[in-house]
Every structure is written in C-alpha cells, then in structure tokens.
Amino acid sequence: MINGFVVEINKAINQMQLVALFLNQELPDGVTIRIPNADYDYKALSLLASTKGFRGSGINTEQELEITIHNGARTETHITMFLPEKEILIDGVSSYLVVNIPADSNVIFQLMPVL
C-alpha cells in the first residue's frame, strides 16, 4: 500500500461540485487534479489506488470541506479541515473519498502518511 499523498484540486465551475477521489471514473468537467512534487499524474495515481491501494492516518486540508469516506457499504461524512488519527484505506473501487469542492476554488488535500 502507498502511504499518504498530497493533491491539488482545481475547479473552474461556478457551483459546488462533488468530486470522488481515486474512484475508477472520469473527473467531472471543469475539475483538474495535480499531484505536486510527484512523478505521478492523477490517472496514474488512480491506477495505483486500484492495484496497490492507499493507506492514510487522517486528512488535512487548507479550508473546511465536506469529506465523505466510503469504506465498502459503510460511509461517514465529516465537515472539517483536519481529521487526525483516522485510518483511511483507499482501493479505488469500494473504498474511496468524496470531497465537496466550493465554487471557483483550488483546494490542497492531504491524505496524511502513516508513520
């Protein structure tokens, strides 16, 4: 499993948008994701999610966001900037994250590494 990462989500649409991260599907129109300081683009990272999986110890964002954690049939939603000590597993199929992105915004999102 890959351990933590940072993504930058850019949205050029003038409305709120739900963005499923690392689910095996295309991003919504007007949404782009960049992986700063990494050799991977978003498609490559999504492929890694489904083949190797990701594991994090929490979430950190630069602004308060609505984040839904899907883990199989179980989901939980948090409205927060910081969700420490929360084990998060991502497999790109049934375990993934959905982030509600505000209109015309750029968001830095970090799945914190497991130490």
PDB file of N, CA and C in Angstrom:
ATOM      1  N   MET A   1       0.831  -1.191   0.000  1.00  0.00           N
ATOM      2  CA  MET A   1       0.000   0.000   0.000  1.00  0.00           C
ATOM      3  C   MET A   1       0.870   1.247   0.000  1.00  0.00           C
ATOM      4  N   ILE A   2       0.441   2.241  -0.740  1.00  0.00           N
ATOM      5  CA  ILE A   2       1.125   3.531  -0.759  1.00  0.00           C
ATOM      6  C   ILE A   2       0.637   4.329   0.439  1.00  0.00           C
ATOM      7  N   ASN A   3       1.538   5.066   1.039  1.00  0.00           N
ATOM      8  CA  ASN A   3       1.327   5.680   2.338  1.00  0.00           C
ATOM      9  C   ASN A   3       1.268   7.205   2.223  1.00  0.00           C
ATOM     10  N   GLY A   4       0.068   7.802   2.146  1.00  0.00           N
ATOM     11  CA  GLY A   4      -0.110   9.254   2.142  1.00  0.00           C
ATOM     12  C   GLY A   4       0.245   9.906   0.825  1.00  0.00           C
ATOM     13  N   PHE A   5      -0.304  11.103   0.577  1.00  0.00           N
ATOM     14  CA  PHE A   5      -0.017  11.892  -0.615  1.00  0.00           C
ATOM     15  C   PHE A   5      -0.723  13.238  -0.488  1.00  0.00           C
ATOM     16  N   VAL A   6      -0.344  14.174  -1.369  1.00  0.00           N
ATOM     17  CA  VAL A   6      -0.971  15.496  -1.440  1.00  0.00           C
ATOM     18  C   VAL A   6      -1.519  15.666  -2.847  1.00  0.00           C
ATOM     19  N   VAL A   7      -2.740  16.193  -2.972  1.00  0.00           N
ATOM     20  CA  VAL A   7      -3.315  16.515  -4.271  1.00  0.00           C
ATOM     21  C   VAL A   7      -3.818  17.949  -4.247  1.00  0.00           C
ATOM     22  N   GLU A   8      -3.747  18.605  -5.391  1.00  0.00           N
ATOM     23  CA  GLU A   8      -4.316  19.942  -5.556  1.00  0.00           C
ATOM     24  C   GLU A   8      -5.497  19.813  -6.504  1.00  0.00           C
ATOM     25  N   ILE A   9      -6.680  20.182  -6.029  1.00  0.00           N
ATOM     26  CA  ILE A   9      -7.900  20.073  -6.828  1.00  0.00           C
ATOM     27  C   ILE A   9      -8.265  21.469  -7.300  1.00  0.00           C
ATOM     28  N   ASN A  10      -8.356  21.653  -8.622  1.00  0.00           N
ATOM     29  CA  ASN A  10      -8.729  22.936  -9.219  1.00  0.00           C
ATOM     30  C   ASN A  10     -10.082  22.793  -9.880  1.00  0.00           C
ATOM     31  N   LYS A  11     -10.943  23.766  -9.620  1.00  0.00           N
ATOM     32  CA  LYS A  11     -12.300  23.718 -10.171  1.00  0.00           C
ATOM     33  C   LYS A  11     -12.635  25.069 -10.764  1.00  0.00           C
ATOM     34  N   ALA A  12     -13.057  25.076 -12.013  1.00  0.00           N
ATOM     35  CA  ALA A  12     -13.361  26.324 -12.709  1.00  0.00           C
ATOM     36  C   ALA A  12     -14.865  26.507 -12.933  1.00  0.00           C
ATOM     37  N   ILE A  13     -15.669  25.765 -12.225  1.00  0.00           N
ATOM     38  CA  ILE A  13     -17.121  25.854 -12.371  1.00  0.00           C
ATOM     39  C   ILE A  13     -17.667  26.678 -11.215  1.00  0.00           C
ATOM     40  N   ASN A  14     -18.646  27.516 -11.501  1.00  0.00           N
ATOM     41  CA  ASN A  14     -19.165  28.447 -10.506  1.00  0.00           C
ATOM     42  C   ASN A  14     -20.281  27.833  -9.667  1.00  0.00           C
ATOM     43  N   GLN A  15     -20.072  26.627  -9.173  1.00  0.00           N
ATOM     44  CA  GLN A  15     -21.021  25.969  -8.274  1.00  0.00           C
ATOM     45  C   GLN A  15     -20.289  24.902  -7.472  1.00  0.00           C
ATOM     46  N   MET A  16     -20.880  24.470  -6.378  1.00  0.00           N
ATOM     47  CA  MET A  16     -20.296  23.383  -5.585  1.00  0.00           C
ATOM     48  C   MET A  16     -20.255  22.130  -6.451  1.00  0.00           C
ATOM     49  N   GLN A  17     -19.261  21.284  -6.210  1.00  0.00           N
ATOM     50  CA  GLN A  17     -19.104  20.075  -7.014  1.00  0.00           C
ATOM     51  C   GLN A  17     -18.610  18.936  -6.140  1.00  0.00           C
ATOM     52  N   LEU A  18     -19.297  17.809  -6.180  1.00  0.00           N
ATOM     53  CA  LEU A  18     -18.805  16.609  -5.504  1.00  0.00           C
ATOM     54  C   LEU A  18     -17.770  15.951  -6.397  1.00  0.00           C
ATOM     55  N   VAL A  19     -16.585  15.675  -5.824  1.00  0.00           N
ATOM     56  CA  VAL A  19     -15.512  15.045  -6.577  1.00  0.00           C
ATOM     57  C   VAL A  19     -15.119  13.762  -5.857  1.00  0.00           C
ATOM     58  N   ALA A  20     -15.290  12.640  -6.535  1.00  0.00           N
ATOM     59  CA  ALA A  20     -14.864  11.348  -5.987  1.00  0.00           C
ATOM     60  C   ALA A  20     -13.386  11.182  -6.289  1.00  0.00           C
ATOM     61  N   LEU A  21     -12.589  11.021  -5.237  1.00  0.00           N
ATOM     62  CA  LEU A  21     -11.153  10.868  -5.404  1.00  0.00           C
ATOM     63  C   LEU A  21     -10.780   9.396  -5.452  1.00  0.00           C
ATOM     64  N   PHE A  22     -10.070   9.033  -6.499  1.00  0.00           N
ATOM     65  CA  PHE A  22      -9.492   7.705  -6.675  1.00  0.00           C
ATOM     66  C   PHE A  22     -10.532   6.618  -6.853  1.00  0.00           C
ATOM     67  N   LEU A  23     -11.714   7.008  -7.308  1.00  0.00           N
ATOM     68  CA  LEU A  23     -12.717   6.044  -7.744  1.00  0.00           C
ATOM     69  C   LEU A  23     -12.491   5.861  -9.236  1.00  0.00           C
ATOM     70  N   ASN A  24     -12.633   4.673  -9.729  1.00  0.00           N
ATOM     71  CA  ASN A  24     -12.309   4.391 -11.122  1.00  0.00           C
ATOM     72  C   ASN A  24     -13.356   5.014 -12.047  1.00  0.00           C
ATOM     73  N   GLN A  25     -13.275   6.344 -12.222  1.00  0.00           N
ATOM     74  CA  GLN A  25     -14.182   7.068 -13.113  1.00  0.00           C
ATOM     75  C   GLN A  25     -13.522   8.377 -13.524  1.00  0.00           C
ATOM     76  N   GLU A  26     -14.058   9.003 -14.562  1.00  0.00           N
ATOM     77  CA  GLU A  26     -13.527  10.281 -15.034  1.00  0.00           C
ATOM     78  C   GLU A  26     -13.878  11.396 -14.060  1.00  0.00           C
ATOM     79  N   LEU A  27     -13.032  12.414 -14.008  1.00  0.00           N
ATOM     80  CA  LEU A  27     -13.319  13.590 -13.194  1.00  0.00           C
ATOM     81  C   LEU A  27     -14.436  14.397 -13.844  1.00  0.00           C
ATOM     82  N   PRO A  28     -15.241  15.123 -13.047  1.00  0.00           N
ATOM     83  CA  PRO A  28     -16.284  15.975 -13.620  1.00  0.00           C
ATOM     84  C   PRO A  28     -15.670  17.067 -14.507  1.00  0.00           C
ATOM     85  N   ASP A  29     -16.441  17.548 -15.483  1.00  0.00           N
ATOM     86  CA  ASP A  29     -15.983  18.638 -16.339  1.00  0.00           C
ATOM     87  C   ASP A  29     -15.602  19.845 -15.489  1.00  0.00           C
ATOM     88  N   GLY A  30     -14.504  20.496 -15.850  1.00  0.00           N
ATOM     89  CA  GLY A  30     -14.052  21.688 -15.146  1.00  0.00           C
ATOM     90  C   GLY A  30     -13.196  21.412 -13.934  1.00  0.00           C
ATOM     91  N   VAL A  31     -12.994  20.136 -13.592  1.00  0.00           N
ATOM     92  CA  VAL A  31     -12.188  19.771 -12.431  1.00  0.00           C
ATOM     93  C   VAL A  31     -10.875  19.149 -12.919  1.00  0.00           C
ATOM     94  N   THR A  32      -9.760  19.659 -12.394  1.00  0.00           N
ATOM     95  CA  THR A  32      -8.459  19.063 -12.673  1.00  0.00           C
ATOM     96  C   THR A  32      -7.762  18.782 -11.348  1.00  0.00           C
ATOM     97  N   ILE A  33      -6.941  17.759 -11.363  1.00  0.00           N
ATOM     98  CA  ILE A  33      -6.193  17.390 -10.158  1.00  0.00           C
ATOM     99  C   ILE A  33      -4.722  17.298 -10.529  1.00  0.00           C
ATOM    100  N   ARG A  34      -3.910  17.926  -9.706  1.00  0.00           N
ATOM    101  CA  ARG A  34      -2.471  17.936  -9.885  1.00  0.00           C
ATOM    102  C   ARG A  34      -1.840  17.326  -8.649  1.00  0.00           C
ATOM    103  N   ILE A  35      -0.761  16.597  -8.827  1.00  0.00           N
ATOM    104  CA  ILE A  35      -0.041  15.987  -7.714  1.00  0.00           C
ATOM    105  C   ILE A  35       1.287  16.741  -7.580  1.00  0.00           C
ATOM    106  N   PRO A  36       1.369  17.711  -6.649  1.00  0.00           N
ATOM    107  CA  PRO A  36       2.596  18.493  -6.519  1.00  0.00           C
ATOM    108  C   PRO A  36       3.772  17.623  -6.067  1.00  0.00           C
ATOM    109  N   ASN A  37       4.935  17.945  -6.566  1.00  0.00           N
ATOM    110  CA  ASN A  37       6.183  17.282  -6.146  1.00  0.00           C
ATOM    111  C   ASN A  37       6.138  15.762  -6.268  1.00  0.00           C
ATOM    112  N   ALA A  38       5.517  15.262  -7.331  1.00  0.00           N
ATOM    113  CA  ALA A  38       5.474  13.809  -7.535  1.00  0.00           C
ATOM    114  C   ALA A  38       5.650  13.499  -9.011  1.00  0.00           C
ATOM    115  N   ASP A  39       6.048  12.294  -9.285  1.00  0.00           N
ATOM    116  CA  ASP A  39       6.224  11.855 -10.665  1.00  0.00           C
ATOM    117  C   ASP A  39       4.940  11.277 -11.257  1.00  0.00           C
ATOM    118  N   TYR A  40       3.846  11.306 -10.497  1.00  0.00           N
ATOM    119  CA  TYR A  40       2.590  10.721 -10.944  1.00  0.00           C
ATOM    120  C   TYR A  40       1.608  11.813 -11.350  1.00  0.00           C
ATOM    121  N   ASP A  41       0.791  11.529 -12.378  1.00  0.00           N
ATOM    122  CA  ASP A  41      -0.360  12.373 -12.624  1.00  0.00           C
ATOM    123  C   ASP A  41      -1.569  11.703 -11.951  1.00  0.00           C
ATOM    124  N   TYR A  42      -2.729  12.349 -12.011  1.00  0.00           N
ATOM    125  CA  TYR A  42      -3.894  11.822 -11.304  1.00  0.00           C
ATOM    126  C   TYR A  42      -4.311  10.447 -11.835  1.00  0.00           C
ATOM    127  N   LYS A  43      -4.271  10.257 -13.163  1.00  0.00           N
ATOM    128  CA  LYS A  43      -4.676   8.950 -13.722  1.00  0.00           C
ATOM    129  C   LYS A  43      -3.761   7.844 -13.221  1.00  0.00           C
ATOM    130  N   ALA A  44      -2.462   8.113 -13.178  1.00  0.00           N
ATOM    131  CA  ALA A  44      -1.516   7.100 -12.687  1.00  0.00           C
ATOM    132  C   ALA A  44      -1.763   6.805 -11.209  1.00  0.00           C
ATOM    133  N   LEU A  45      -2.041   7.855 -10.429  1.00  0.00           N
ATOM    134  CA  LEU A  45      -2.315   7.661  -9.004  1.00  0.00           C
ATOM    135  C   LEU A  45      -3.612   6.873  -8.806  1.00  0.00           C
ATOM    136  N   SER A  46      -4.622   7.134  -9.644  1.00  0.00           N
ATOM    137  CA  SER A  46      -5.880   6.380  -9.564  1.00  0.00           C
ATOM    138  C   SER A  46      -5.658   4.908  -9.885  1.00  0.00           C
ATOM    139  N   LEU A  47      -4.814   4.630 -10.861  1.00  0.00           N
ATOM    140  CA  LEU A  47      -4.487   3.250 -11.197  1.00  0.00           C
ATOM    141  C   LEU A  47      -3.765   2.572 -10.034  1.00  0.00           C
ATOM    142  N   LEU A  48      -2.859   3.297  -9.391  1.00  0.00           N
ATOM    143  CA  LEU A  48      -2.183   2.746  -8.213  1.00  0.00           C
ATOM    144  C   LEU A  48      -3.169   2.452  -7.088  1.00  0.00           C
ATOM    145  N   ALA A  49      -4.198   3.301  -6.946  1.00  0.00           N
ATOM    146  CA  ALA A  49      -5.206   3.066  -5.906  1.00  0.00           C
ATOM    147  C   ALA A  49      -5.873   1.713  -6.102  1.00  0.00           C
ATOM    148  N   SER A  50      -6.193   1.386  -7.347  1.00  0.00           N
ATOM    149  CA  SER A  50      -6.906   0.122  -7.592  1.00  0.00           C
ATOM    150  C   SER A  50      -5.979  -1.092  -7.608  1.00  0.00           C
ATOM    151  N   THR A  51      -4.673  -0.892  -7.838  1.00  0.00           N
ATOM    152  CA  THR A  51      -3.764  -2.037  -7.875  1.00  0.00           C
ATOM    153  C   THR A  51      -3.009  -2.251  -6.565  1.00  0.00           C
ATOM    154  N   LYS A  52      -2.593  -1.173  -5.931  1.00  0.00           N
ATOM    155  CA  LYS A  52      -1.810  -1.293  -4.697  1.00  0.00           C
ATOM    156  C   LYS A  52      -2.555  -0.781  -3.467  1.00  0.00           C
ATOM    157  N   GLY A  53      -3.469   0.169  -3.653  1.00  0.00           N
ATOM    158  CA  GLY A  53      -4.208   0.754  -2.540  1.00  0.00           C
ATOM    159  C   GLY A  53      -3.424   1.857  -1.849  1.00  0.00           C
ATOM    160  N   PHE A  54      -4.132   2.693  -1.103  1.00  0.00           N
ATOM    161  CA  PHE A  54      -3.539   3.758  -0.312  1.00  0.00           C
ATOM    162  C   PHE A  54      -3.950   3.573   1.132  1.00  0.00           C
ATOM    163  N   ARG A  55      -3.104   4.040   2.018  1.00  0.00           N
ATOM    164  CA  ARG A  55      -3.413   3.993   3.444  1.00  0.00           C
ATOM    165  C   ARG A  55      -2.992   5.318   4.047  1.00  0.00           C
ATOM    166  N   GLY A  56      -3.893   5.944   4.799  1.00  0.00           N
ATOM    167  CA  GLY A  56      -3.582   7.210   5.447  1.00  0.00           C
ATOM    168  C   GLY A  56      -3.951   7.185   6.907  1.00  0.00           C
ATOM    169  N   SER A  57      -3.385   8.149   7.648  1.00  0.00           N
ATOM    170  CA  SER A  57      -3.669   8.237   9.082  1.00  0.00           C
ATOM    171  C   SER A  57      -4.561   9.421   9.404  1.00  0.00           C
ATOM    172  N   GLY A  58      -5.153  10.033   8.392  1.00  0.00           N
ATOM    173  CA  GLY A  58      -6.039  11.167   8.597  1.00  0.00           C
ATOM    174  C   GLY A  58      -6.043  12.057   7.369  1.00  0.00           C
ATOM    175  N   ILE A  59      -6.761  13.182   7.475  1.00  0.00           N
ATOM    176  CA  ILE A  59      -6.917  14.121   6.366  1.00  0.00           C
ATOM    177  C   ILE A  59      -6.576  15.517   6.863  1.00  0.00           C
ATOM    178  N   ASN A  60      -5.934  16.296   5.992  1.00  0.00           N
ATOM    179  CA  ASN A  60      -5.610  17.685   6.286  1.00  0.00           C
ATOM    180  C   ASN A  60      -5.909  18.493   5.027  1.00  0.00           C
ATOM    181  N   THR A  61      -6.668  19.594   5.141  1.00  0.00           N
ATOM    182  CA  THR A  61      -6.967  20.462   4.009  1.00  0.00           C
ATOM    183  C   THR A  61      -6.691  21.901   4.416  1.00  0.00           C
ATOM    184  N   GLU A  62      -6.627  22.789   3.441  1.00  0.00           N
ATOM    185  CA  GLU A  62      -6.355  24.194   3.746  1.00  0.00           C
ATOM    186  C   GLU A  62      -7.615  24.993   4.054  1.00  0.00           C
ATOM    187  N   GLN A  63      -8.782  24.402   3.844  1.00  0.00           N
ATOM    188  CA  GLN A  63     -10.042  25.051   4.187  1.00  0.00           C
ATOM    189  C   GLN A  63     -11.036  23.982   4.629  1.00  0.00           C
ATOM    190  N   GLU A  64     -12.064  24.382   5.346  1.00  0.00           N
ATOM    191  CA  GLU A  64     -13.055  23.425   5.812  1.00  0.00           C
ATOM    192  C   GLU A  64     -13.829  22.868   4.628  1.00  0.00           C
ATOM    193  N   LEU A  65     -13.871  21.551   4.539  1.00  0.00           N
ATOM    194  CA  LEU A  65     -14.544  20.862   3.443  1.00  0.00           C
ATOM    195  C   LEU A  65     -15.449  19.767   3.983  1.00  0.00           C
ATOM    196  N   GLU A  66     -16.451  19.421   3.202  1.00  0.00           N
ATOM    197  CA  GLU A  66     -17.276  18.245   3.494  1.00  0.00           C
ATOM    198  C   GLU A  66     -16.621  17.059   2.803  1.00  0.00           C
ATOM    199  N   ILE A  67     -16.211  16.080   3.591  1.00  0.00           N
ATOM    200  CA  ILE A  67     -15.499  14.911   3.088  1.00  0.00           C
ATOM    201  C   ILE A  67     -16.258  13.663   3.510  1.00  0.00           C
ATOM    202  N   THR A  68     -16.571  12.813   2.551  1.00  0.00           N
ATOM    203  CA  THR A  68     -17.237  11.551   2.850  1.00  0.00           C
ATOM    204  C   THR A  68     -16.261  10.414   2.589  1.00  0.00           C
ATOM    205  N   ILE A  69     -16.089   9.582   3.589  1.00  0.00           N
ATOM    206  CA  ILE A  69     -15.210   8.426   3.497  1.00  0.00           C
ATOM    207  C   ILE A  69     -16.083   7.206   3.227  1.00  0.00           C
ATOM    208  N   HIS A  70     -15.873   6.575   2.077  1.00  0.00           N
ATOM    209  CA  HIS A  70     -16.599   5.355   1.712  1.00  0.00           C
ATOM    210  C   HIS A  70     -15.676   4.176   1.985  1.00  0.00           C
ATOM    211  N   ASN A  71     -16.161   3.246   2.756  1.00  0.00           N
ATOM    212  CA  ASN A  71     -15.402   2.035   3.059  1.00  0.00           C
ATOM    213  C   ASN A  71     -16.358   0.864   2.877  1.00  0.00           C
ATOM    214  N   GLY A  72     -16.443   0.379   1.646  1.00  0.00           N
ATOM    215  CA  GLY A  72     -17.420  -0.659   1.331  1.00  0.00           C
ATOM    216  C   GLY A  72     -18.824  -0.096   1.479  1.00  0.00           C
ATOM    217  N   ALA A  73     -19.676  -0.773   2.217  1.00  0.00           N
ATOM    218  CA  ALA A  73     -21.052  -0.327   2.419  1.00  0.00           C
ATOM    219  C   ALA A  73     -21.162   0.744   3.504  1.00  0.00           C
ATOM    220  N   ARG A  74     -20.084   0.995   4.238  1.00  0.00           N
ATOM    221  CA  ARG A  74     -20.104   1.966   5.338  1.00  0.00           C
ATOM    222  C   ARG A  74     -19.586   3.320   4.855  1.00  0.00           C
ATOM    223  N   THR A  75     -20.304   4.395   5.176  1.00  0.00           N
ATOM    224  CA  THR A  75     -19.847   5.750   4.845  1.00  0.00           C
ATOM    225  C   THR A  75     -19.936   6.623   6.084  1.00  0.00           C
ATOM    226  N   GLU A  76     -19.046   7.610   6.131  1.00  0.00           N
ATOM    227  CA  GLU A  76     -19.124   8.608   7.190  1.00  0.00           C
ATOM    228  C   GLU A  76     -18.703   9.946   6.609  1.00  0.00           C
ATOM    229  N   THR A  77     -19.427  11.004   6.990  1.00  0.00           N
ATOM    230  CA  THR A  77     -19.176  12.341   6.474  1.00  0.00           C
ATOM    231  C   THR A  77     -18.671  13.239   7.588  1.00  0.00           C
ATOM    232  N   HIS A  78     -17.659  14.038   7.247  1.00  0.00           N
ATOM    233  CA  HIS A  78     -17.072  14.992   8.188  1.00  0.00           C
ATOM    234  C   HIS A  78     -16.985  16.347   7.499  1.00  0.00           C
ATOM    235  N   ILE A  79     -17.258  17.413   8.226  1.00  0.00           N
ATOM    236  CA  ILE A  79     -17.029  18.768   7.742  1.00  0.00           C
ATOM    237  C   ILE A  79     -15.900  19.320   8.594  1.00  0.00           C
ATOM    238  N   THR A  80     -14.713  19.415   7.977  1.00  0.00           N
ATOM    239  CA  THR A  80     -13.531  19.720   8.764  1.00  0.00           C
ATOM    240  C   THR A  80     -12.372  20.152   7.877  1.00  0.00           C
ATOM    241  N   MET A  81     -11.337  20.688   8.494  1.00  0.00           N
ATOM    242  CA  MET A  81     -10.061  20.956   7.841  1.00  0.00           C
ATOM    243  C   MET A  81      -9.033  19.898   8.237  1.00  0.00           C
ATOM    244  N   PHE A  82      -9.256  19.282   9.382  1.00  0.00           N
ATOM    245  CA  PHE A  82      -8.255  18.398   9.947  1.00  0.00           C
ATOM    246  C   PHE A  82      -8.948  17.236  10.632  1.00  0.00           C
ATOM    247  N   LEU A  83      -8.643  16.043  10.185  1.00  0.00           N
ATOM    248  CA  LEU A  83      -9.222  14.831  10.759  1.00  0.00           C
ATOM    249  C   LEU A  83      -8.065  13.901  11.103  1.00  0.00           C
ATOM    250  N   PRO A  84      -7.446  14.136  12.267  1.00  0.00           N
ATOM    251  CA  PRO A  84      -6.270  13.341  12.630  1.00  0.00           C
ATOM    252  C   PRO A  84      -6.657  11.967  13.162  1.00  0.00           C
ATOM    253  N   GLU A  85      -5.693  11.093  13.136  1.00  0.00           N
ATOM    254  CA  GLU A  85      -5.829   9.765  13.726  1.00  0.00           C
ATOM    255  C   GLU A  85      -7.067   9.021  13.240  1.00  0.00           C
ATOM    256  N   LYS A  86      -7.319   9.134  11.941  1.00  0.00           N
ATOM    257  CA  LYS A  86      -8.445   8.435  11.323  1.00  0.00           C
ATOM    258  C   LYS A  86      -7.876   7.537  10.229  1.00  0.00           C
ATOM    259  N   GLU A  87      -7.840   6.238  10.460  1.00  0.00           N
ATOM    260  CA  GLU A  87      -7.304   5.341   9.441  1.00  0.00           C
ATOM    261  C   GLU A  87      -8.200   5.372   8.208  1.00  0.00           C
ATOM    262  N   ILE A  88      -7.586   5.600   7.066  1.00  0.00           N
ATOM    263  CA  ILE A  88      -8.319   5.675   5.808  1.00  0.00           C
ATOM    264  C   ILE A  88      -7.649   4.733   4.821  1.00  0.00           C
ATOM    265  N   LEU A  89      -8.432   3.856   4.256  1.00  0.00           N
ATOM    266  CA  LEU A  89      -7.950   2.937   3.232  1.00  0.00           C
ATOM    267  C   LEU A  89      -8.665   3.274   1.931  1.00  0.00           C
ATOM    268  N   ILE A  90      -7.925   3.266   0.825  1.00  0.00           N
ATOM    269  CA  ILE A  90      -8.491   3.563  -0.485  1.00  0.00           C
ATOM    270  C   ILE A  90      -8.091   2.440  -1.426  1.00  0.00           C
ATOM    271  N   ASP A  91      -9.118   1.851  -2.098  1.00  0.00           N
ATOM    272  CA  ASP A  91      -8.815   0.787  -3.057  1.00  0.00           C
ATOM    273  C   ASP A  91      -9.280   1.118  -4.473  1.00  0.00           C
ATOM    274  N   GLY A  92      -9.871   2.303  -4.663  1.00  0.00           N
ATOM    275  CA  GLY A  92     -10.300   2.715  -5.996  1.00  0.00           C
ATOM    276  C   GLY A  92     -11.578   2.075  -6.483  1.00  0.00           C
ATOM    277  N   VAL A  93     -12.187   1.215  -5.678  1.00  0.00           N
ATOM    278  CA  VAL A  93     -13.419   0.532  -6.080  1.00  0.00           C
ATOM    279  C   VAL A  93     -14.517   0.770  -5.058  1.00  0.00           C
ATOM    280  N   SER A  94     -14.387   0.191  -3.874  1.00  0.00           N
ATOM    281  CA  SER A  94     -15.421   0.355  -2.847  1.00  0.00           C
ATOM    282  C   SER A  94     -14.963   1.224  -1.681  1.00  0.00           C
ATOM    283  N   SER A  95     -13.681   1.527  -1.636  1.00  0.00           N
ATOM    284  CA  SER A  95     -13.133   2.389  -0.580  1.00  0.00           C
ATOM    285  C   SER A  95     -12.480   3.589  -1.252  1.00  0.00           C
ATOM    286  N   TYR A  96     -13.087   4.763  -1.048  1.00  0.00           N
ATOM    287  CA  TYR A  96     -12.638   5.980  -1.716  1.00  0.00           C
ATOM    288  C   TYR A  96     -13.147   7.189  -0.933  1.00  0.00           C
ATOM    289  N   LEU A  97     -12.794   8.383  -1.393  1.00  0.00           N
ATOM    290  CA  LEU A  97     -13.198   9.620  -0.742  1.00  0.00           C
ATOM    291  C   LEU A  97     -14.028  10.464  -1.707  1.00  0.00           C
ATOM    292  N   VAL A  98     -15.008  11.197  -1.176  1.00  0.00           N
ATOM    293  CA  VAL A  98     -15.753  12.181  -1.955  1.00  0.00           C
ATOM    294  C   VAL A  98     -15.602  13.510  -1.233  1.00  0.00           C
ATOM    295  N   VAL A  99     -15.163  14.531  -1.981  1.00  0.00           N
ATOM    296  CA  VAL A  99     -14.937  15.855  -1.415  1.00  0.00           C
ATOM    297  C   VAL A  99     -15.885  16.826  -2.093  1.00  0.00           C
ATOM    298  N   ASN A 100     -16.590  17.642  -1.304  1.00  0.00           N
ATOM    299  CA  ASN A 100     -17.479  18.671  -1.827  1.00  0.00           C
ATOM    300  C   ASN A 100     -16.646  19.941  -1.989  1.00  0.00           C
ATOM    301  N   ILE A 101     -16.329  20.311  -3.243  1.00  0.00           N
ATOM    302  CA  ILE A 101     -15.445  21.428  -3.535  1.00  0.00           C
ATOM    303  C   ILE A 101     -16.270  22.691  -3.753  1.00  0.00           C
ATOM    304  N   PRO A 102     -15.947  23.784  -3.048  1.00  0.00           N
ATOM    305  CA  PRO A 102     -16.660  25.054  -3.252  1.00  0.00           C
ATOM    306  C   PRO A 102     -16.461  25.597  -4.672  1.00  0.00           C
ATOM    307  N   ALA A 103     -17.350  26.490  -5.093  1.00  0.00           N
ATOM    308  CA  ALA A 103     -17.287  27.088  -6.427  1.00  0.00           C
ATOM    309  C   ALA A 103     -15.978  27.843  -6.636  1.00  0.00           C
ATOM    310  N   ASP A 104     -15.478  27.801  -7.886  1.00  0.00           N
ATOM    311  CA  ASP A 104     -14.280  28.540  -8.305  1.00  0.00           C
ATOM    312  C   ASP A 104     -13.163  28.477  -7.274  1.00  0.00           C
ATOM    313  N   SER A 105     -12.746  27.278  -6.930  1.00  0.00           N
ATOM    314  CA  SER A 105     -11.738  27.178  -5.878  1.00  0.00           C
ATOM    315  C   SER A 105     -10.616  26.229  -6.253  1.00  0.00           C
ATOM    316  N   ASN A 106      -9.504  26.408  -5.577  1.00  0.00           N
ATOM    317  CA  ASN A 106      -8.379  25.488  -5.618  1.00  0.00           C
ATOM    318  C   ASN A 106      -8.234  24.961  -4.201  1.00  0.00           C
ATOM    319  N   VAL A 107      -8.130  23.670  -4.053  1.00  0.00           N
ATOM    320  CA  VAL A 107      -8.079  23.054  -2.731  1.00  0.00           C
ATOM    321  C   VAL A 107      -6.850  22.156  -2.649  1.00  0.00           C
ATOM    322  N   ILE A 108      -6.090  22.294  -1.576  1.00  0.00           N
ATOM    323  CA  ILE A 108      -4.999  21.368  -1.293  1.00  0.00           C
ATOM    324  C   ILE A 108      -5.536  20.339  -0.306  1.00  0.00           C
ATOM    325  N   PHE A 109      -5.388  19.080  -0.653  1.00  0.00           N
ATOM    326  CA  PHE A 109      -5.931  17.973   0.131  1.00  0.00           C
ATOM    327  C   PHE A 109      -4.801  16.995   0.406  1.00  0.00           C
ATOM    328  N   GLN A 110      -4.634  16.622   1.651  1.00  0.00           N
ATOM    329  CA  GLN A 110      -3.573  15.684   2.005  1.00  0.00           C
ATOM    330  C   GLN A 110      -4.146  14.491   2.743  1.00  0.00           C
ATOM    331  N   LEU A 111      -3.837  13.311   2.240  1.00  0.00           N
ATOM    332  CA  LEU A 111      -4.051  12.085   2.991  1.00  0.00           C
ATOM    333  C   LEU A 111      -2.759  11.893   3.770  1.00  0.00           C
ATOM    334  N   MET A 112      -2.825  12.063   5.080  1.00  0.00           N
ATOM    335  CA  MET A 112      -1.619  12.063   5.897  1.00  0.00           C
ATOM    336  C   MET A 112      -0.993  10.676   5.935  1.00  0.00           C
ATOM    337  N   PRO A 113       0.337  10.637   5.846  1.00  0.00           N
ATOM    338  CA  PRO A 113       1.019   9.332   5.845  1.00  0.00           C
ATOM    339  C   PRO A 113       0.930   8.634   7.194  1.00  0.00           C
ATOM    340  N   VAL A 114       1.015   7.333   7.152  1.00  0.00           N
ATOM    341  CA  VAL A 114       1.084   6.526   8.371  1.00  0.00           C
ATOM    342  C   VAL A 114       2.542   6.474   8.770  1.00  0.00           C
ATOM    343  N   LEU A 115       2.825   6.863   9.996  1.00  0.00           N
ATOM    344  CA  LEU A 115       4.225   6.899  10.471  1.00  0.00           C
ATOM    345  C   LEU A 115       4.572   5.646  11.242  1.00  0.00           C
TER     346      LEU A 115
END
